[in-house]
Amino acid sequence: MSFASAAARSLPILLIEDEPSVLSFVRTALERTGYSVTAVTSGAQALELLQSGDFMGIVSDMRTPGGVDGSDVHAWLSANRPELVLRLIFITGDIVNEDTAATLRQTGAPCVEKPFRISQLLDVVRKVMGTPQ
């Protein structure tokens, strides 16, 4: 069952990823599956877009440059866009880091660990956001 309404499923996914190769790989896979994607390379850029833009959901790396990480994005969503908190998916290669582990425990957000199979990520995206329209 998806948390996203039919109207929300026509909106883009916000992808936050600072590694160019991962960003390109994930964006291409999501687009080939039928999702629209808006991609940024930092949490700070994401927060700017989230202030005025509507999104189906968010796929966010836990660690991004610029002083705004995945934990900060989650906190901002909780305070300002609570409808998106349940449609946030983290991706990270740093799951053993205590800060990352604490954030995952605290938020309860789904996390896909890098390196991942794209089918694994797409399964989580479909479960959390539904299928694209």
Protein backbone atom coordinates (compact mmCIF):
# COMPACT_ATOMS: atom_id res chain seq x y z
CA MET A 1 0.00 0.00 0.00
CA SER A 2 1.26 3.46 -0.88
CA PHE A 3 1.09 6.56 1.26
CA ALA A 4 1.03 8.78 -1.81
CA SER A 5 -2.26 9.92 -3.31
CA ALA A 6 -2.91 9.68 -7.03
CA ALA A 7 -2.27 13.42 -7.41
CA ALA A 8 1.03 13.19 -5.55
CA ARG A 9 2.20 10.34 -7.81
CA SER A 10 2.26 12.72 -10.79
CA LEU A 11 4.76 15.00 -9.00
CA PRO A 12 8.55 14.64 -9.28
CA ILE A 13 10.72 12.81 -6.78
CA LEU A 14 13.34 15.06 -5.19
CA LEU A 15 16.70 13.27 -5.38
CA ILE A 16 19.46 14.55 -3.08
CA GLU A 17 22.84 12.98 -3.91
CA ASP A 18 26.29 14.55 -4.08
CA GLU A 19 28.10 11.73 -5.91
CA PRO A 20 27.65 12.45 -9.64
CA SER A 21 27.77 8.79 -10.69
CA VAL A 22 25.20 7.72 -8.08
CA LEU A 23 22.96 10.70 -8.87
CA SER A 24 23.04 9.88 -12.58
CA PHE A 25 22.46 6.15 -11.99
CA VAL A 26 19.50 6.65 -9.62
CA ARG A 27 17.97 9.44 -11.70
CA THR A 28 18.13 7.37 -14.88
CA ALA A 29 16.64 4.30 -13.18
CA LEU A 30 13.76 6.30 -11.67
CA GLU A 31 13.03 8.06 -14.98
CA ARG A 32 13.12 4.77 -16.93
CA THR A 33 10.58 3.42 -14.46
CA GLY A 34 8.29 6.37 -15.20
CA TYR A 35 9.03 8.76 -12.36
CA SER A 36 9.83 12.41 -12.88
CA VAL A 37 12.97 13.47 -10.99
CA THR A 38 14.33 16.79 -9.75
CA ALA A 39 17.93 16.26 -8.65
CA VAL A 40 20.15 18.38 -6.40
CA THR A 41 23.60 17.77 -4.95
CA SER A 42 23.11 19.18 -1.46
CA GLY A 43 20.62 19.27 1.36
CA ALA A 44 20.73 23.06 1.30
CA GLN A 45 19.59 23.09 -2.35
CA ALA A 46 16.85 20.63 -1.44
CA LEU A 47 15.51 22.82 1.35
CA GLU A 48 15.34 25.77 -1.06
CA LEU A 49 13.21 23.72 -3.47
CA LEU A 50 11.06 22.28 -0.70
CA GLN A 51 10.05 25.75 0.46
CA SER A 52 7.96 26.31 -2.64
CA GLY A 53 7.90 23.09 -4.66
CA ASP A 54 5.65 20.06 -4.46
CA PHE A 55 7.15 16.59 -4.64
CA MET A 56 5.92 13.01 -4.63
CA GLY A 57 8.64 12.18 -2.15
CA ILE A 58 12.34 12.41 -1.47
CA VAL A 59 15.29 10.08 -1.94
CA SER A 60 18.17 11.54 0.06
CA ASP A 61 21.74 10.62 0.72
CA MET A 62 22.47 10.84 4.45
CA ARG A 63 25.71 12.80 3.98
CA THR A 64 25.85 15.74 1.60
CA PRO A 65 28.09 18.83 1.48
CA GLY A 66 27.00 22.29 2.53
CA GLY A 67 26.16 21.73 6.16
CA VAL A 68 22.68 20.23 5.61
CA ASP A 69 22.56 16.43 5.80
CA GLY A 70 19.76 13.87 5.70
CA SER A 71 18.99 14.34 9.38
CA ASP A 72 18.57 18.08 8.81
CA VAL A 73 16.28 17.46 5.82
CA HIS A 74 14.13 15.13 7.96
CA ALA A 75 13.94 17.70 10.78
CA TRP A 76 12.96 20.45 8.32
CA LEU A 77 10.28 18.25 6.76
CA SER A 78 8.88 17.37 10.20
CA ALA A 79 8.52 21.07 11.05
CA ASN A 80 7.51 22.47 7.65
CA ARG A 81 6.24 19.73 5.31
CA PRO A 82 4.99 16.89 7.54
CA GLU A 83 3.08 15.31 4.64
CA LEU A 84 6.45 14.42 3.09
CA VAL A 85 8.04 12.83 6.18
CA LEU A 86 6.44 9.45 5.39
CA ARG A 87 7.70 9.71 1.80
CA LEU A 88 11.39 10.16 2.64
CA ILE A 89 13.85 7.39 1.78
CA PHE A 90 17.49 7.57 2.81
CA ILE A 91 20.37 6.09 0.83
CA THR A 92 23.78 5.80 2.46
CA GLY A 93 27.07 3.99 2.39
CA ASP A 94 27.71 5.02 5.97
CA ILE A 95 25.21 2.94 7.95
CA VAL A 96 27.77 1.96 10.62
CA ASN A 97 28.42 5.59 11.55
CA GLU A 98 26.77 6.22 14.93
CA ASP A 99 25.21 9.53 13.82
CA THR A 100 23.69 7.82 10.79
CA ALA A 101 22.45 4.86 12.83
CA ALA A 102 20.93 7.23 15.42
CA THR A 103 19.14 9.22 12.70
CA LEU A 104 17.72 6.05 11.17
CA ARG A 105 16.50 4.83 14.58
CA GLN A 106 15.02 8.21 15.46
CA THR A 107 13.26 8.88 12.16
CA GLY A 108 12.16 5.37 11.26
CA ALA A 109 12.64 6.35 7.61
CA PRO A 110 13.42 3.53 5.19
CA CYS A 111 17.08 3.28 4.23
CA VAL A 112 18.73 1.56 1.28
CA GLU A 113 22.40 0.86 1.91
CA LYS A 114 24.99 1.59 -0.78
CA PRO A 115 26.05 -0.22 -2.80
CA PHE A 116 22.55 -1.36 -3.70
CA ARG A 117 20.85 -3.10 -6.57
CA ILE A 118 18.65 -0.66 -8.41
CA SER A 119 15.76 -3.14 -8.14
CA GLN A 120 16.10 -2.94 -4.36
CA LEU A 121 15.82 0.86 -4.41
CA LEU A 122 12.92 0.81 -6.87
CA ASP A 123 11.04 -1.68 -4.67
CA VAL A 124 11.35 0.71 -1.70
CA VAL A 125 10.36 3.72 -3.82
CA ARG A 126 7.24 1.94 -5.11
CA LYS A 127 6.31 0.84 -1.58
CA VAL A 128 6.73 4.33 -0.11
CA MET A 129 5.56 6.51 -3.01
CA GLY A 130 3.45 4.29 -5.22
CA THR A 131 3.86 3.77 -8.91
CA PRO A 132 4.20 6.74 -11.24
CA GLN A 133 1.16 7.93 -13.20
